[in-house]
Amino acid sequence: MNTRQAGFTLIELVMVIVILGILAAFALPRFADLGGQARVSTVEGIAGSMRSAAGIVHSMALATAATASVDLEGTAINLTNGYPHVDDINDAAGFAPDGAWTVAAAGTNPMTWRRNDAGTPAQCQISYTAATATAAAIVAATVTDC
């Protein structure tokens, strides 16, 4: 009589589980901190949006010789030396800070937005400095501890 094995032995199954556990232990740390990278990308993306919006508004101000405000997609953007005023950069960039952001210096120059969920919010922020008579507006992103 010929007997045939119809499945895996218990030892084979345990070995497969051990090998999968070892592989998971090496792979997990590579994917564990994706939240920090996502926050860095968000901060840098919004800062880029603000830089682009400031450039577009400045170009519109130059093209139309506007000194007080320009109309950007139906929204009046107030100007400071040809660039968006600190209170209007959000509207120009299409940035609506939600619960993840705190405006650390509202209405001041520079105006600063900080990520609430960052390791150190002051090290994960965007600041917008309005233009002066001799210098363009500055958008700076700090992402050292997001």
Protein backbone atom coordinates (compact mmCIF):
# COMPACT_ATOMS: atom_id res chain seq x y z
CA MET A 1 0.00 0.00 0.00
CA ASN A 2 1.38 3.40 -1.02
CA THR A 3 0.81 6.35 1.37
CA ARG A 4 1.03 9.92 0.12
CA GLN A 5 1.55 13.04 2.14
CA ALA A 6 -1.39 15.43 1.69
CA GLY A 7 -0.10 18.60 3.43
CA PHE A 8 2.72 20.30 5.29
CA THR A 9 4.15 19.03 8.51
CA LEU A 10 3.99 21.11 11.67
CA ILE A 11 7.74 21.73 11.54
CA GLU A 12 7.52 23.09 7.99
CA LEU A 13 4.72 25.47 8.97
CA VAL A 14 6.62 26.71 12.04
CA MET A 15 9.74 27.35 9.92
CA VAL A 16 7.75 29.42 7.42
CA ILE A 17 6.28 31.50 10.27
CA VAL A 18 9.75 32.06 11.77
CA ILE A 19 11.18 33.15 8.41
CA LEU A 20 8.28 35.56 7.85
CA GLY A 21 8.81 36.99 11.35
CA ILE A 22 12.48 37.61 10.67
CA LEU A 23 11.70 39.31 7.36
CA ALA A 24 9.07 41.49 9.04
CA ALA A 25 11.51 42.53 11.77
CA PHE A 26 13.92 43.86 9.14
CA ALA A 27 11.28 45.49 6.95
CA LEU A 28 9.21 47.23 9.65
CA PRO A 29 11.73 49.95 10.64
CA ARG A 30 11.99 51.08 7.02
CA PHE A 31 8.29 51.92 6.91
CA ALA A 32 7.65 52.90 10.54
CA ASP A 33 8.15 56.68 10.30
CA LEU A 34 6.29 57.70 7.18
CA GLY A 35 4.37 60.35 9.14
CA GLY A 36 7.44 62.57 9.48
CA GLN A 37 8.16 62.36 5.76
CA ALA A 38 4.53 63.19 4.99
CA ARG A 39 4.68 66.29 7.23
CA VAL A 40 7.93 67.43 5.56
CA SER A 41 6.33 67.00 2.13
CA THR A 42 3.23 68.91 3.22
CA VAL A 43 5.23 71.83 4.61
CA GLU A 44 7.48 72.03 1.55
CA GLY A 45 4.49 71.73 -0.81
CA ILE A 46 2.56 74.55 0.86
CA ALA A 47 5.69 76.72 0.96
CA GLY A 48 6.13 76.13 -2.78
CA SER A 49 2.50 77.05 -3.36
CA MET A 50 3.01 80.29 -1.44
CA ARG A 51 6.15 81.12 -3.45
CA SER A 52 4.28 80.52 -6.71
CA ALA A 53 1.29 82.58 -5.57
CA ALA A 54 3.54 85.47 -4.53
CA GLY A 55 5.22 85.37 -7.93
CA ILE A 56 1.91 85.29 -9.80
CA VAL A 57 0.49 88.17 -7.76
CA HIS A 58 3.69 90.17 -8.28
CA SER A 59 3.53 89.53 -12.03
CA MET A 60 -0.11 90.63 -12.11
CA ALA A 61 0.75 93.79 -10.15
CA LEU A 62 3.53 94.63 -12.59
CA ALA A 63 1.40 93.90 -15.65
CA THR A 64 -1.53 95.99 -14.46
CA ALA A 65 0.49 98.66 -12.61
CA ALA A 66 -1.61 97.92 -9.51
CA THR A 67 -0.38 99.28 -6.19
CA ALA A 68 -3.22 98.47 -3.75
CA SER A 69 -4.66 95.10 -4.80
CA VAL A 70 -5.06 92.65 -7.66
CA ASP A 71 -7.88 90.27 -8.51
CA LEU A 72 -6.76 86.65 -8.41
CA GLU A 73 -9.52 84.27 -9.54
CA GLY A 74 -12.23 86.48 -8.09
CA THR A 75 -10.42 87.19 -4.82
CA ALA A 76 -8.94 90.61 -4.06
CA ILE A 77 -5.35 90.21 -2.89
CA ASN A 78 -3.99 93.27 -1.06
CA LEU A 79 -0.46 94.25 -1.97
CA THR A 80 2.60 95.25 -0.01
CA ASN A 81 5.29 96.61 -2.36
CA GLY A 82 3.84 94.61 -5.24
CA TYR A 83 3.57 91.27 -3.38
CA PRO A 84 0.71 89.77 -1.33
CA HIS A 85 0.17 91.26 2.11
CA VAL A 86 0.84 88.83 5.00
CA ASP A 87 -2.89 88.55 5.70
CA ASP A 88 -3.68 87.65 2.07
CA ILE A 89 -1.01 85.06 1.21
CA ASN A 90 -3.32 82.21 2.35
CA ASP A 91 -5.99 83.32 -0.13
CA ALA A 92 -3.45 83.79 -2.91
CA ALA A 93 -1.95 80.32 -2.36
CA GLY A 94 -5.28 78.57 -1.78
CA PHE A 95 -4.08 77.43 1.66
CA ALA A 96 -6.80 77.01 4.28
CA PRO A 97 -5.07 76.04 7.53
CA ASP A 98 -7.06 73.34 9.30
CA GLY A 99 -6.70 71.84 12.77
CA ALA A 100 -3.23 70.52 11.94
CA TRP A 101 -1.86 74.08 11.75
CA THR A 102 -1.44 76.92 14.23
CA VAL A 103 -0.87 80.47 13.07
CA ALA A 104 1.95 81.39 15.43
CA ALA A 105 2.23 85.05 14.40
CA ALA A 106 -1.08 86.10 12.88
CA GLY A 107 -1.08 89.47 11.15
CA THR A 108 2.58 90.15 11.89
CA ASN A 109 5.54 90.30 9.56
CA PRO A 110 6.73 87.59 9.22
CA MET A 111 3.60 85.49 9.54
CA THR A 112 4.23 81.91 10.67
CA TRP A 113 2.23 78.66 10.38
CA ARG A 114 3.29 75.65 12.50
CA ARG A 115 2.34 71.98 12.31
CA ASN A 116 0.64 70.93 15.57
CA ASP A 117 1.50 67.23 15.16
CA ALA A 118 5.24 67.75 14.61
CA GLY A 119 7.87 66.69 17.13
CA THR A 120 8.77 70.34 17.68
CA PRO A 121 6.20 72.62 16.01
CA ALA A 122 8.66 75.54 15.87
CA GLN A 123 10.95 73.32 13.78
CA CYS A 124 8.19 72.34 11.34
CA GLN A 125 6.81 75.59 10.01
CA ILE A 126 6.36 78.03 7.14
CA SER A 127 7.01 81.74 7.43
CA TYR A 128 6.06 84.50 5.00
CA THR A 129 7.86 87.82 5.14
CA ALA A 130 6.19 90.61 3.20
CA ALA A 131 8.16 92.50 0.60
CA THR A 132 9.97 95.71 1.45
CA ALA A 133 10.79 98.59 -0.87
CA THR A 134 14.12 96.94 -1.66
CA ALA A 135 13.47 93.18 -1.24
CA ALA A 136 10.96 90.65 -2.56
CA ALA A 137 8.65 88.64 -0.33
CA ILE A 138 10.29 85.62 1.31
CA VAL A 139 8.69 82.23 1.95
CA ALA A 140 10.81 80.01 4.20
CA ALA A 141 10.10 76.42 5.26
CA THR A 142 11.73 74.90 8.36
CA VAL A 143 11.52 71.08 8.41
CA THR A 144 14.22 70.01 10.88
CA ASP A 145 11.84 68.24 13.30
CA CYS A 146 8.64 67.34 11.49
